[in-house]
Every structure is written in C-alpha cells, then in structure tokens.
C-alpha cells in the first residue's frame, strides 16, 4: 500500500513538473521580450530541466544572458550563454527558434569581436517578416547591428572606414523612409554621418534628434537620448567640425589656437540651442510617433561616441 502511495506521489510530481515547464518557458519568453533579463534567465533555467523543453529554454536563457552582458559587462554571463547556445540542437527547435538561434550566434560573434560577421547576420535579419512586424524587436536588432558595424569600421584602414559608415548611414536612411522613428535610429544616424566624414550633416542630425527627442520616445528614454547625443556632439562632432571648417576658411593659418576658438564657438552655439529647445519638460509632447521607447545601452552608445572621435 505504501509503495502504491509513493508511486502515485512520484507520478503526480512528474506530472506537475511537466505542466510547469511550458508555463515557465512561456513566462521566460515574455520576460525576455519585456527586457526583464534576470527573470527570463531564472525561468528559462528552470524550464531546461524538462528534456522536451531543454533546447528552447537554452535558447531563451542564452540570449537573455547576452543582453544582460551587454548591459552589465559580466563575462561569466558570456561563458554560460555560450554553453547554453551551443547545446541547442537545431533539429529540435521550430523554424522561428532557428532564426533566434542565428541571432544568438551573431551576438556571440559580436562578443568574440568578430564584428563584420556579426553585422552580416544582423543586417540580413532586419528583413525577416517577424522583425518588421515588431517595433521593440527591430529596435533591439538595429542596436546590435549598428554597434557591430561601428566596431567593424573602427578596425578599418583610414581610407576604408568612411565607406563602412556610409553603409550604416544608408541603411538607417532606409529605416527612416519606412517610418521608423526611434532613439536607436536617431542616435546612430548622427554617429554614422560623423564616421562617414560628414561632420556638417552629423551636426544637423544631432540637433534634429535632440529637438525631436520628446516626440520620438517617452520621457525617460528621451532624456537618455538627449544625454547620448550631447556626449556625441561634444566628444566627436564639434571637435571634427571645428577642424574641418577652420581648415577650409584659413588653411595657411596656425591651427592650434584658431581651432580651439572655433570649437568654443560651436560649443557655445550648441548650448544656446539646447536652452532654447529645452525649456519645456522632456516628454510633455507625448509618447512618440510609433510608441517606441526602447533605448539601447547608453554604455555602448557613449563608447561609440568616444571611439569615433579618434577615427
């Protein structure tokens, strides 16, 4: 009798675990899509214990770990993500999950500093139907792609670097014509123009982005966008524009003092513009054109601004 009771308890426990697994996997996906990566990792880790869900759960866990690494920089997340991602059997996941697997591999390529290869995968994914139909998914993918191409451009020879930034700029311009209006596109348009050796256009794009930030994103994300554009302007665009404009005006003059004076003039002009357009509270104009408020890691954006200054 006791053996029967124990057997019944075991069967019941197994049945409950089987029912809990799919629920945990669904919640893990929901948490990942909501950018709640810590919760997604916990739920996906639990779902991995069910053999039938192990591959799908490993995929969700790996991508959440890589997103958490992008935010926090903990290298242990990369090692765990790599183990989880490489454990996935492609024959045991759906077609949609196969595409997710490809993105996860591209994210790992980025971490491994294989930026050109990562950019190729990310750019191809931008044309996938499921990406086109989701603003927040597309925004996140655009940030991975733009960051990859930015790093790839940094590695290029001086003569090749502007061409790689023009590739970034051309695709972003296409996004704009499609009606995409997001902090990611706004920031990288200005950064790409500067990298493509067009500081005048970069200046204009940064101003346009700063002014329109409350229309592009919700209050908190608009503030982050303005902070990132301000850093890009100060550390990259203004110094480059000062050098270019002064050399065009007075190529025979002593540049050291004159360029510094030109830079101070541009900085003063930038401050006046920000005060003129920043009197209203950020966010009082509404929630944006398309409801997108996803902002990429400001850590990555600031790094891009500093690195492009030296290119």
Foldseek 3Di string as FASTA:
>chain_A
DVVVVVVVVVVVVVVVLVVVLVVLLVVLVVCVLVLVLVSSLVSLVSSLVPVLCVQVSLLSNLVSLLQVCQQPVDCVSLVSSVVSLVVHDPVSDDPVVVLSSLLSVLSNCVVVVVLVVSLVSLVVCLPDPVLVVDLSSVLVSLQSNLLSLLSVLLPDDPVCSLVSLVVNLVVLVVCVVVVRFALSSLLSNLLSCLRNVNLVVSVVSLLVLLLCLLQRAAQVLSVLSNVLSVLLCLQASLLSVLVVVVCVVCVPDDCPVSSVVSSVVVVVVVVVSCVVRVPDRRNPVHGHDPNDHDDGRSVSSSVSSNSSRVD
